[in-house]
Amino acid sequence: MIFWRVKPLNQILETAEKKSLKRQLGPIQLTLLGIGAVIGTGIFVLTAEAAQKAGPAMMVSFVIAAVVCGLAAFAYAELAAMLPVSGSAYTYTYGVMGELVAWIVGWALVLEYAIGATAVCVGWSGYMNGLLMHTDFFGLVQPGALALPEYLRTGYFSGGGFNLLAFLVGALVTWLLVIGTSKSARVNAVLVAIKIVALTVFVALAVPAAKSGNLEPFLPGGWGSPMGGAGVLGAAASIFFAYVGFDAVSTAAEETKNPNRNIPIGLIASLLICTVFYLLVGYGAAGSIGAQPMLGANGLPLDPGTPEMTAACVGSNALVCSNEPLAHVLRVLGFPEIGNWIGVAAIIALPSVILMMMFGQTRIFFTMSRDGLLPSKLSDVHPRFFTPHVITYLTGIVVSICGALFPVGKLADTSNAGTLLAFAMVSVGVLVLRKRQPDRPRPFRTPMAWIVCPLAVAGCVLLFVNLSIIAKVVFVLWGAIGLVVYRLYGYHRSQLAGTGY
């Protein structure tokens, strides 16, 4: 039986009270945390990857991804307001569909958060390495004199050796998370402001330079491929993970003041604000210098990150070939210094995305450990900083090492596989709970739930199908490993083992 060991919602709340985190975040901090996680690699880095798959139609891809996320956001808001504890989709599923489904979701969230954080580390290093290659450091050195050797600029599986900067930024964010949530939130607020200013400057310069001719042909890659990973839907599937910041907001529910009110505000407000920025920046980039993909011998866009794509980009000034697309656009438009400053803004601000991704991952593991599905040592709270320091260090080590070895695009696709499963399960959970416990207080109710939630599930399935084949294979293998771990450990150690639940 799949839907077994369903943990009563009241018991979930009681468990959280016994070993809880300090409530210290308000609605503004939550919204900024969401913006900090959403505005990041998706727009600063993956714009080039989306353009390679969809061309100028990547703007449509941003809309599709936003619509699916928006539908799921309503479901998240309802459950987060009802269950203001750490754990996000894992906790919600545990209280609705049972332990096995909850474990599968929690295990999949490792792909969403840890691999997502790794992708941002690699994206950050792309901007940092780009700046080091172009800056003269206020006239003190020759341009390129500060650049790292090629071997240390890209990871082993990207054709390089060890991505040193990706490794270092992962380690730095780990330390910041350990010293305290409130400190992290204050730093994040500053970083969010920097990103918004940078994107506003980009929009102000790029949008007026847009020309209709740069948007033709609009659909060079078509709508998608049955094999996934191409066209408008393939691009939407790739950039989808850039929107999951609102999901990370819900993982902070246990550390939120007045969560019944503030969690829905943080979820929906951050998503709306970020969607507007994504559309403006996407239009500015595609319209100003063009966003046509590199085509193969078959006339279709080449797969990003492949040797064929690398060879096609040699000597090219195309947007799709850049590891720092927004800075690249401004340099092409004749604003090299401002382009460099956009790169500086990305370098300063992208760590906020890594911070929120890792924040979400550690809180998921914290809750799974508290439930007995993972070793209890992982849920130890630091006596001084009141943070789950053990699991934060472990997560940081994995993120830093993976960031030093793997390419950004493949990491993003893999992250999305776990994200889409979580979003679909939360949407299903809302409907199940509406049937099972219709009278339970709901501080926030999903509007037209029986329309919104099925549409959210359908959207998640559509995007999952359009992920790359590699991402889908990794997802299946990771899920199989998770089931083995659950059977050998969590099944026997769970707090619900031997109970009547």
Protein backbone atom coordinates (compact mmCIF):
# COMPACT_ATOMS: atom_id res chain seq x y z
CA MET A 1 0.00 0.00 0.00
CA ILE A 2 1.45 3.35 -1.04
CA PHE A 3 -0.53 5.79 1.11
CA TRP A 4 0.41 4.47 4.54
CA ARG A 5 1.85 5.88 7.76
CA VAL A 6 0.09 9.18 7.20
CA LYS A 7 1.35 11.51 9.92
CA PRO A 8 -1.58 13.48 11.43
CA LEU A 9 -1.25 17.21 10.87
CA ASN A 10 -1.62 17.91 14.57
CA GLN A 11 1.25 15.52 15.30
CA ILE A 12 3.43 17.31 12.74
CA LEU A 13 2.83 20.57 14.57
CA GLU A 14 3.53 18.96 17.97
CA THR A 15 6.79 17.41 16.72
CA ALA A 16 7.96 20.77 15.43
CA GLU A 17 7.29 22.40 18.81
CA LYS A 18 9.50 19.87 20.63
CA LYS A 19 12.59 20.64 18.55
CA SER A 20 11.95 23.89 16.79
CA LEU A 21 13.78 26.79 15.19
CA LYS A 22 13.48 30.39 16.33
CA ARG A 23 10.74 32.50 14.69
CA GLN A 24 12.40 35.68 13.47
CA LEU A 25 11.37 36.39 9.84
CA GLY A 26 8.62 38.83 8.74
CA PRO A 27 6.74 39.32 5.43
CA ILE A 28 9.27 41.74 3.92
CA GLN A 29 12.17 39.44 4.76
CA LEU A 30 10.29 36.47 3.30
CA THR A 31 9.49 38.31 0.08
CA LEU A 32 13.12 39.38 -0.23
CA LEU A 33 14.24 35.80 0.44
CA GLY A 34 11.96 34.66 -2.37
CA ILE A 35 13.22 37.34 -4.77
CA GLY A 36 16.77 36.50 -3.75
CA ALA A 37 16.23 32.88 -4.76
CA VAL A 38 14.22 33.56 -7.93
CA ILE A 39 16.22 36.38 -9.53
CA GLY A 40 19.52 34.73 -10.12
CA THR A 41 20.99 32.11 -12.40
CA GLY A 42 17.77 31.78 -14.41
CA ILE A 43 18.04 35.32 -15.72
CA PHE A 44 21.73 36.15 -15.25
CA VAL A 45 23.09 32.89 -16.71
CA LEU A 46 20.46 30.60 -18.23
CA THR A 47 19.21 33.30 -20.59
CA ALA A 48 21.84 32.08 -23.04
CA GLU A 49 20.81 28.44 -22.65
CA ALA A 50 17.13 29.32 -23.11
CA ALA A 51 17.99 31.29 -26.25
CA GLN A 52 19.93 28.35 -27.66
CA LYS A 53 16.89 26.10 -27.26
CA ALA A 54 14.08 28.50 -28.19
CA GLY A 55 15.61 31.58 -29.82
CA PRO A 56 13.67 34.82 -29.23
CA ALA A 57 10.69 32.68 -28.19
CA MET A 58 12.47 32.17 -24.87
CA MET A 59 10.21 34.99 -23.66
CA VAL A 60 7.30 32.62 -24.13
CA SER A 61 9.28 30.01 -22.20
CA PHE A 62 9.58 32.40 -19.25
CA VAL A 63 5.81 32.92 -19.31
CA ILE A 64 5.07 29.18 -19.44
CA ALA A 65 7.38 28.49 -16.51
CA ALA A 66 5.89 31.39 -14.55
CA VAL A 67 2.32 30.20 -15.14
CA VAL A 68 3.10 26.68 -13.91
CA CYS A 69 4.90 28.09 -10.87
CA GLY A 70 2.06 30.52 -10.20
CA LEU A 71 -0.50 27.71 -10.18
CA ALA A 72 1.65 25.68 -7.80
CA ALA A 73 2.26 28.76 -5.63
CA PHE A 74 -1.40 28.90 -4.64
CA ALA A 75 -1.24 25.26 -3.49
CA TYR A 76 1.95 25.94 -1.55
CA ALA A 77 0.39 28.98 0.11
CA GLU A 78 -2.60 26.98 1.37
CA LEU A 79 -0.55 24.16 2.85
CA ALA A 80 2.20 26.43 4.21
CA ALA A 81 -0.39 28.50 6.08
CA MET A 82 -1.97 25.33 7.52
CA LEU A 83 1.40 23.76 8.43
CA PRO A 84 3.83 26.55 9.37
CA VAL A 85 6.80 24.22 9.95
CA SER A 86 10.02 23.39 8.12
CA GLY A 87 9.98 20.79 5.38
CA SER A 88 8.01 22.32 2.50
CA ALA A 89 6.61 19.73 0.06
CA TYR A 90 8.05 16.86 2.11
CA THR A 91 6.13 17.82 5.24
CA TYR A 92 2.91 18.57 3.38
CA THR A 93 3.02 15.20 1.61
CA TYR A 94 3.74 13.38 4.89
CA GLY A 95 0.58 14.81 6.40
CA VAL A 96 -1.61 14.02 3.41
CA MET A 97 -0.36 11.04 1.41
CA GLY A 98 1.85 9.18 3.84
CA GLU A 99 5.45 8.36 4.64
CA LEU A 100 6.53 6.55 1.47
CA VAL A 101 5.32 9.31 -0.86
CA ALA A 102 6.80 11.89 1.53
CA TRP A 103 10.17 10.15 1.43
CA ILE A 104 10.13 10.09 -2.38
CA VAL A 105 9.36 13.81 -2.44
CA GLY A 106 11.97 14.64 0.21
CA TRP A 107 14.59 12.62 -1.66
CA ALA A 108 13.66 14.37 -4.91
CA LEU A 109 14.04 17.75 -3.20
CA VAL A 110 17.75 17.00 -2.91
CA LEU A 111 17.85 17.41 -6.69
CA GLU A 112 15.86 20.65 -6.45
CA TYR A 113 17.85 22.40 -3.76
CA ALA A 114 21.35 20.92 -3.57
CA ILE A 115 21.80 20.51 -7.33
CA GLY A 116 20.10 23.87 -7.89
CA ALA A 117 22.58 25.53 -5.53
CA THR A 118 25.40 23.81 -7.38
CA ALA A 119 24.15 25.19 -10.71
CA VAL A 120 24.15 28.72 -9.30
CA CYS A 121 27.70 28.28 -8.00
CA VAL A 122 28.77 27.43 -11.55
CA GLY A 123 26.77 30.37 -12.95
CA TRP A 124 28.42 32.74 -10.47
CA SER A 125 31.86 31.52 -11.44
CA GLY A 126 31.04 32.23 -15.10
CA TYR A 127 30.44 35.91 -14.32
CA MET A 128 33.45 36.14 -12.04
CA ASN A 129 35.75 34.54 -14.58
CA GLY A 130 34.31 36.80 -17.30
CA LEU A 131 35.01 39.89 -15.23
CA LEU A 132 38.57 38.80 -14.50
CA MET A 133 39.14 38.32 -18.23
CA HIS A 134 37.79 41.77 -19.23
CA THR A 135 38.67 44.13 -16.38
CA ASP A 136 41.78 46.27 -16.17
CA PHE A 137 41.06 46.87 -12.47
CA PHE A 138 40.77 50.64 -12.81
CA GLY A 139 43.78 50.84 -15.12
CA LEU A 140 46.16 49.06 -12.76
CA VAL A 141 46.61 45.95 -14.91
CA GLN A 142 46.24 44.84 -18.50
CA PRO A 143 42.81 43.33 -19.37
CA GLY A 144 42.95 39.61 -18.74
CA ALA A 145 45.96 39.77 -16.44
CA LEU A 146 43.82 38.66 -13.48
CA ALA A 147 42.18 35.74 -15.30
CA LEU A 148 42.56 32.29 -13.83
CA PRO A 149 44.10 29.52 -15.93
CA GLU A 150 41.60 27.75 -18.17
CA TYR A 151 42.03 24.61 -16.09
CA LEU A 152 40.57 26.38 -13.04
CA ARG A 153 37.76 28.22 -14.86
CA THR A 154 35.61 25.24 -15.83
CA GLY A 155 34.80 21.89 -14.29
CA TYR A 156 36.08 18.51 -15.33
CA PHE A 157 32.82 17.52 -17.07
CA SER A 158 32.79 20.82 -18.96
CA GLY A 159 36.13 20.09 -20.58
CA GLY A 160 38.23 21.80 -17.91
CA GLY A 161 39.65 20.67 -14.60
CA PHE A 162 38.45 22.17 -11.32
CA ASN A 163 36.13 25.17 -11.17
CA LEU A 164 37.89 26.88 -8.29
CA LEU A 165 35.56 29.88 -7.93
CA ALA A 166 32.42 27.72 -7.88
CA PHE A 167 33.97 25.68 -5.09
CA LEU A 168 34.94 28.74 -3.05
CA VAL A 169 31.57 30.49 -3.26
CA GLY A 170 29.82 27.30 -2.11
CA ALA A 171 32.10 27.13 0.91
CA LEU A 172 31.51 30.80 1.76
CA VAL A 173 27.72 30.49 1.66
CA THR A 174 27.90 27.40 3.86
CA TRP A 175 29.72 29.39 6.53
CA LEU A 176 27.19 32.22 6.29
CA LEU A 177 24.27 29.83 6.78
CA VAL A 178 25.86 28.30 9.85
CA ILE A 179 26.30 31.60 11.68
CA GLY A 180 22.58 32.36 11.67
CA THR A 181 19.32 32.70 9.74
CA SER A 182 18.62 36.31 10.72
CA LYS A 183 22.14 37.34 9.70
CA SER A 184 21.69 35.53 6.41
CA ALA A 185 18.36 37.29 5.80
CA ARG A 186 19.88 40.74 6.41
CA VAL A 187 22.73 40.05 4.02
CA ASN A 188 20.24 38.70 1.50
CA ALA A 189 18.20 41.94 1.62
CA VAL A 190 21.27 43.90 0.52
CA LEU A 191 22.04 41.44 -2.27
CA VAL A 192 18.45 41.56 -3.54
CA ALA A 193 18.65 45.36 -3.79
CA ILE A 194 21.85 45.06 -5.84
CA LYS A 195 20.24 42.59 -8.25
CA ILE A 196 17.15 44.73 -8.75
CA VAL A 197 19.26 47.81 -9.49
CA ALA A 198 21.42 45.84 -11.94
CA LEU A 199 18.44 44.41 -13.81
CA THR A 200 16.74 47.81 -13.90
CA VAL A 201 19.86 49.35 -15.50
CA PHE A 202 19.99 46.50 -18.01
CA VAL A 203 16.33 46.95 -18.95
CA ALA A 204 16.77 50.72 -19.29
CA LEU A 205 19.64 50.26 -21.78
CA ALA A 206 18.62 47.11 -23.66
CA VAL A 207 14.86 47.53 -24.16
CA PRO A 208 15.14 50.86 -26.09
CA ALA A 209 17.72 49.18 -28.37
CA ALA A 210 15.36 46.33 -29.27
CA LYS A 211 14.54 45.90 -32.96
CA SER A 212 11.81 43.76 -34.43
CA GLY A 213 14.26 42.26 -36.92
CA ASN A 214 16.23 40.69 -34.08
CA LEU A 215 13.18 38.66 -33.10
CA GLU A 216 12.94 36.88 -36.47
CA PRO A 217 12.64 33.97 -36.86
CA PHE A 218 10.77 33.87 -33.56
CA LEU A 219 10.52 30.07 -33.27
CA PRO A 220 13.74 28.63 -34.75
CA GLY A 221 13.56 25.56 -32.53
CA GLY A 222 9.80 25.03 -32.71
CA TRP A 223 7.64 24.31 -29.69
CA GLY A 224 9.40 21.17 -28.54
CA SER A 225 10.56 17.66 -29.29
CA PRO A 226 9.07 14.32 -28.22
CA MET A 227 12.52 13.48 -26.85
CA GLY A 228 12.61 16.65 -24.76
CA GLY A 229 15.28 19.30 -24.26
CA ALA A 230 14.51 21.51 -27.29
CA GLY A 231 12.22 24.29 -28.46
CA VAL A 232 10.04 26.59 -26.37
CA LEU A 233 8.96 23.85 -23.97
CA GLY A 234 12.50 22.55 -23.63
CA ALA A 235 13.68 26.05 -22.71
CA ALA A 236 10.80 26.45 -20.24
CA ALA A 237 11.78 23.14 -18.62
CA SER A 238 15.41 24.28 -18.33
CA ILE A 239 14.76 27.70 -16.80
CA PHE A 240 11.97 26.42 -14.56
CA PHE A 241 14.26 25.98 -11.59
CA ALA A 242 14.98 29.70 -11.59
CA TYR A 243 11.46 30.26 -10.23
CA VAL A 244 11.66 27.92 -7.25
CA GLY A 245 12.58 30.69 -4.84
CA PHE A 246 8.97 30.93 -3.73
CA ASP A 247 9.18 27.25 -2.75
CA ALA A 248 12.22 28.03 -0.60
CA VAL A 249 10.10 30.63 1.21
CA SER A 250 7.79 27.90 2.46
CA THR A 251 10.73 26.00 3.98
CA ALA A 252 11.23 29.00 6.28
CA ALA A 253 7.72 28.67 7.74
CA GLU A 254 8.98 27.43 11.11
CA GLU A 255 11.22 30.49 11.42
CA THR A 256 8.49 32.97 10.40
CA LYS A 257 6.54 35.30 12.64
CA ASN A 258 2.76 35.03 12.06
CA PRO A 259 3.24 32.41 9.31
CA ASN A 260 -0.48 32.09 8.52
CA ARG A 261 -0.39 35.61 7.11
CA ASN A 262 3.21 36.10 6.08
CA ILE A 263 3.95 32.88 4.17
CA PRO A 264 1.27 33.46 1.47
CA ILE A 265 2.44 37.07 1.12
CA GLY A 266 6.07 36.03 0.64
CA LEU A 267 5.20 33.25 -1.81
CA ILE A 268 2.98 35.16 -4.20
CA ALA A 269 4.63 38.59 -3.99
CA SER A 270 8.11 37.27 -4.80
CA LEU A 271 6.81 35.31 -7.80
CA LEU A 272 4.91 38.28 -9.27
CA ILE A 273 7.80 40.71 -8.91
CA CYS A 274 10.31 38.32 -10.45
CA THR A 275 8.13 37.39 -13.43
CA VAL A 276 7.92 41.02 -14.50
CA PHE A 277 11.71 41.34 -14.38
CA TYR A 278 12.21 38.10 -16.31
CA LEU A 279 10.00 39.22 -19.19
CA LEU A 280 11.60 42.66 -19.48
CA VAL A 281 15.15 41.30 -19.36
CA GLY A 282 14.37 38.50 -21.83
CA TYR A 283 12.87 40.97 -24.30
CA GLY A 284 15.78 43.37 -23.88
CA ALA A 285 18.40 40.67 -24.49
CA ALA A 286 16.68 39.09 -27.50
CA GLY A 287 15.49 42.32 -29.07
CA SER A 288 18.72 44.28 -28.75
CA ILE A 289 21.37 41.91 -30.15
CA GLY A 290 19.35 38.88 -31.25
CA ALA A 291 19.00 35.47 -29.68
CA GLN A 292 19.28 33.08 -32.61
CA PRO A 293 20.58 29.61 -31.73
CA MET A 294 23.53 27.79 -33.23
CA LEU A 295 22.11 25.24 -35.67
CA GLY A 296 23.41 21.79 -36.51
CA ALA A 297 23.59 20.09 -39.89
CA ASN A 298 19.95 19.02 -39.48
CA GLY A 299 18.84 22.64 -39.14
CA LEU A 300 17.89 22.25 -35.49
CA PRO A 301 19.48 24.03 -32.48
CA LEU A 302 22.52 22.27 -31.05
CA ASP A 303 22.31 20.91 -27.53
CA PRO A 304 23.94 23.38 -25.07
CA GLY A 305 27.02 22.07 -23.32
CA THR A 306 27.98 19.59 -26.04
CA PRO A 307 31.31 19.52 -27.92
CA GLU A 308 29.41 20.46 -31.10
CA MET A 309 28.05 23.57 -29.40
CA THR A 310 31.49 24.48 -28.07
CA ALA A 311 33.00 24.15 -31.54
CA ALA A 312 30.23 26.25 -33.11
CA CYS A 313 30.86 29.05 -30.62
CA VAL A 314 34.57 29.43 -31.32
CA GLY A 315 35.11 33.05 -32.29
CA SER A 316 31.38 33.82 -32.12
CA ASN A 317 29.92 36.90 -30.45
CA ALA A 318 26.42 35.39 -30.22
CA LEU A 319 24.35 35.68 -27.07
CA VAL A 320 23.91 31.90 -26.89
CA CYS A 321 27.67 31.41 -26.58
CA SER A 322 28.16 33.61 -23.53
CA ASN A 323 28.57 32.44 -19.94
CA GLU A 324 27.66 35.95 -18.76
CA PRO A 325 24.84 36.91 -21.18
CA LEU A 326 23.61 40.17 -19.61
CA ALA A 327 27.08 41.66 -19.31
CA HIS A 328 27.78 40.42 -22.85
CA VAL A 329 24.69 42.17 -24.25
CA LEU A 330 25.72 45.53 -22.85
CA ARG A 331 29.28 45.15 -24.13
CA VAL A 332 27.94 44.44 -27.62
CA LEU A 333 25.65 47.48 -27.37
CA GLY A 334 28.64 49.71 -26.67
CA PHE A 335 28.46 49.90 -22.89
CA PRO A 336 31.51 47.82 -21.87
CA GLU A 337 32.02 49.49 -18.50
CA ILE A 338 28.37 49.17 -17.54
CA GLY A 339 28.49 45.58 -18.76
CA ASN A 340 31.38 44.97 -16.40
CA TRP A 341 29.39 46.52 -13.56
CA ILE A 342 26.44 44.26 -14.38
CA GLY A 343 28.91 41.42 -14.02
CA VAL A 344 30.01 42.82 -10.68
CA ALA A 345 26.38 42.99 -9.54
CA ALA A 346 25.84 39.36 -10.53
CA ILE A 347 29.02 38.38 -8.72
CA ILE A 348 27.89 40.14 -5.57
CA ALA A 349 24.25 39.10 -5.72
CA LEU A 350 24.12 35.53 -7.05
CA PRO A 351 25.34 34.10 -3.73
CA SER A 352 21.91 35.04 -2.34
CA VAL A 353 20.41 32.38 -4.63
CA ILE A 354 22.94 29.82 -3.46
CA LEU A 355 22.10 30.82 0.09
CA MET A 356 18.37 30.21 -0.34
CA MET A 357 18.83 26.94 -2.22
CA MET A 358 21.10 25.59 0.49
CA PHE A 359 18.83 27.04 3.17
CA GLY A 360 15.94 25.03 1.72
CA GLN A 361 18.01 21.84 1.45
CA THR A 362 19.21 21.95 5.04
CA ARG A 363 15.68 22.56 6.36
CA ILE A 364 14.32 19.60 4.38
CA PHE A 365 17.00 17.30 5.83
CA PHE A 366 16.47 18.82 9.29
CA THR A 367 12.80 17.86 9.19
CA MET A 368 13.39 14.37 7.73
CA SER A 369 15.93 13.74 10.50
CA ARG A 370 13.49 14.98 13.12
CA ASP A 371 10.95 12.47 11.77
CA GLY A 372 13.43 9.61 12.13
CA LEU A 373 13.88 8.98 8.40
CA LEU A 374 17.50 10.17 8.57
CA PRO A 375 19.99 9.99 11.48
CA SER A 376 19.04 12.25 14.40
CA LYS A 377 22.51 13.79 14.44
CA LEU A 378 21.58 15.69 11.28
CA SER A 379 18.92 17.69 13.18
CA ASP A 380 21.28 18.93 15.89
CA VAL A 381 20.90 22.69 16.41
CA HIS A 382 23.96 24.83 17.11
CA PRO A 383 23.84 26.06 20.73
CA ARG A 384 24.94 29.57 19.79
CA PHE A 385 23.63 30.22 16.28
CA PHE A 386 20.40 28.12 16.54
CA THR A 387 20.96 26.63 13.07
CA PRO A 388 21.18 22.97 11.94
CA HIS A 389 24.93 23.16 11.54
CA VAL A 390 25.74 19.48 10.93
CA ILE A 391 23.56 19.08 7.87
CA THR A 392 24.55 22.55 6.67
CA TYR A 393 28.22 21.56 6.61
CA LEU A 394 27.46 18.27 4.83
CA THR A 395 25.30 20.00 2.23
CA GLY A 396 27.94 22.66 1.68
CA ILE A 397 30.65 20.08 1.03
CA VAL A 398 28.54 18.31 -1.62
CA VAL A 399 27.47 21.58 -3.30
CA SER A 400 31.02 22.95 -3.43
CA ILE A 401 32.59 19.81 -4.87
CA CYS A 402 29.85 19.26 -7.47
CA GLY A 403 30.05 22.93 -8.48
CA ALA A 404 33.75 22.48 -9.14
CA LEU A 405 33.14 19.60 -11.56
CA PHE A 406 29.84 19.88 -13.51
CA PRO A 407 28.38 22.25 -16.19
CA VAL A 408 25.56 24.66 -15.33
CA GLY A 409 22.97 23.62 -17.93
CA LYS A 410 22.93 19.92 -17.09
CA LEU A 411 22.78 20.75 -13.38
CA ALA A 412 19.76 23.01 -13.93
CA ASP A 413 17.86 20.33 -15.86
CA THR A 414 18.56 17.73 -13.17
CA SER A 415 17.40 20.14 -10.47
CA ASN A 416 14.13 20.69 -12.28
CA ALA A 417 13.22 17.00 -12.26
CA GLY A 418 12.97 17.00 -8.47
CA THR A 419 11.24 20.38 -8.41
CA LEU A 420 8.47 19.32 -10.78
CA LEU A 421 7.68 16.22 -8.74
CA ALA A 422 7.46 18.27 -5.55
CA PHE A 423 5.19 20.88 -7.13
CA ALA A 424 2.86 18.21 -8.51
CA MET A 425 2.61 16.40 -5.17
CA VAL A 426 1.79 19.59 -3.27
CA SER A 427 -0.98 20.39 -5.76
CA VAL A 428 -2.43 16.90 -5.39
CA GLY A 429 -2.12 17.21 -1.60
CA VAL A 430 -4.36 20.26 -1.51
CA LEU A 431 -7.17 18.37 -3.22
CA VAL A 432 -6.76 15.25 -1.05
CA LEU A 433 -6.90 17.34 2.11
CA ARG A 434 -9.96 19.23 0.87
CA LYS A 435 -11.74 15.85 0.70
CA ARG A 436 -10.37 14.30 3.90
CA GLN A 437 -10.49 17.33 6.19
CA PRO A 438 -12.88 19.87 4.64
CA ASP A 439 -13.55 21.58 7.99
CA ARG A 440 -9.92 22.13 8.96
CA PRO A 441 -9.10 25.86 9.30
CA ARG A 442 -7.42 27.25 6.19
CA PRO A 443 -5.96 30.74 6.75
CA PHE A 444 -5.34 30.85 2.99
CA ARG A 445 -7.46 28.97 0.45
CA THR A 446 -6.37 28.20 -3.11
CA PRO A 447 -8.90 29.91 -5.38
CA MET A 448 -10.82 27.50 -7.63
CA ALA A 449 -8.71 24.66 -6.26
CA TRP A 450 -10.33 21.96 -8.40
CA ILE A 451 -9.24 23.86 -11.51
CA VAL A 452 -5.97 25.42 -10.38
CA CYS A 453 -4.39 22.31 -8.83
CA PRO A 454 -5.06 19.90 -11.76
CA LEU A 455 -3.68 22.53 -14.13
CA ALA A 456 -0.56 22.79 -11.96
CA VAL A 457 -0.07 19.02 -12.12
CA ALA A 458 -0.59 18.98 -15.89
CA GLY A 459 1.93 21.80 -16.31
CA CYS A 460 4.51 19.94 -14.24
CA VAL A 461 4.05 16.78 -16.31
CA LEU A 462 4.36 18.75 -19.56
CA LEU A 463 7.64 20.35 -18.48
CA PHE A 464 9.03 17.10 -17.11
CA VAL A 465 8.48 15.40 -20.46
CA ASN A 466 10.43 18.22 -22.11
CA LEU A 467 13.48 17.91 -19.86
CA SER A 468 16.64 16.48 -21.39
CA ILE A 469 16.99 12.71 -21.51
CA ILE A 470 19.99 12.86 -19.16
CA ALA A 471 17.95 14.70 -16.53
CA LYS A 472 15.15 12.14 -16.68
CA VAL A 473 17.58 9.22 -16.41
CA VAL A 474 19.34 10.79 -13.41
CA PHE A 475 15.96 11.38 -11.78
CA VAL A 476 14.96 7.71 -12.14
CA LEU A 477 18.32 6.45 -10.84
CA TRP A 478 18.28 8.88 -7.91
CA GLY A 479 14.75 7.77 -7.03
CA ALA A 480 15.79 4.10 -7.08
CA ILE A 481 18.68 4.84 -4.71
CA GLY A 482 16.27 6.70 -2.43
CA LEU A 483 13.91 3.74 -2.20
CA VAL A 484 16.80 1.49 -1.17
CA VAL A 485 17.90 3.96 1.53
CA TYR A 486 14.35 4.21 2.86
CA ARG A 487 13.89 0.43 3.01
CA LEU A 488 17.21 -0.11 4.80
CA TYR A 489 17.00 2.81 7.25
CA GLY A 490 13.95 5.08 7.29
CA TYR A 491 11.36 2.28 7.20
CA HIS A 492 12.66 0.90 10.50
CA ARG A 493 13.74 4.14 12.24
CA SER A 494 10.72 6.30 11.44
CA GLN A 495 8.83 7.78 14.38
CA LEU A 496 5.71 6.17 12.93
CA ALA A 497 7.24 2.66 12.79
CA GLY A 498 5.12 0.36 14.93
CA THR A 499 2.41 2.98 15.49
CA GLY A 500 -1.15 2.83 14.35
CA TYR A 501 -0.69 5.61 11.81
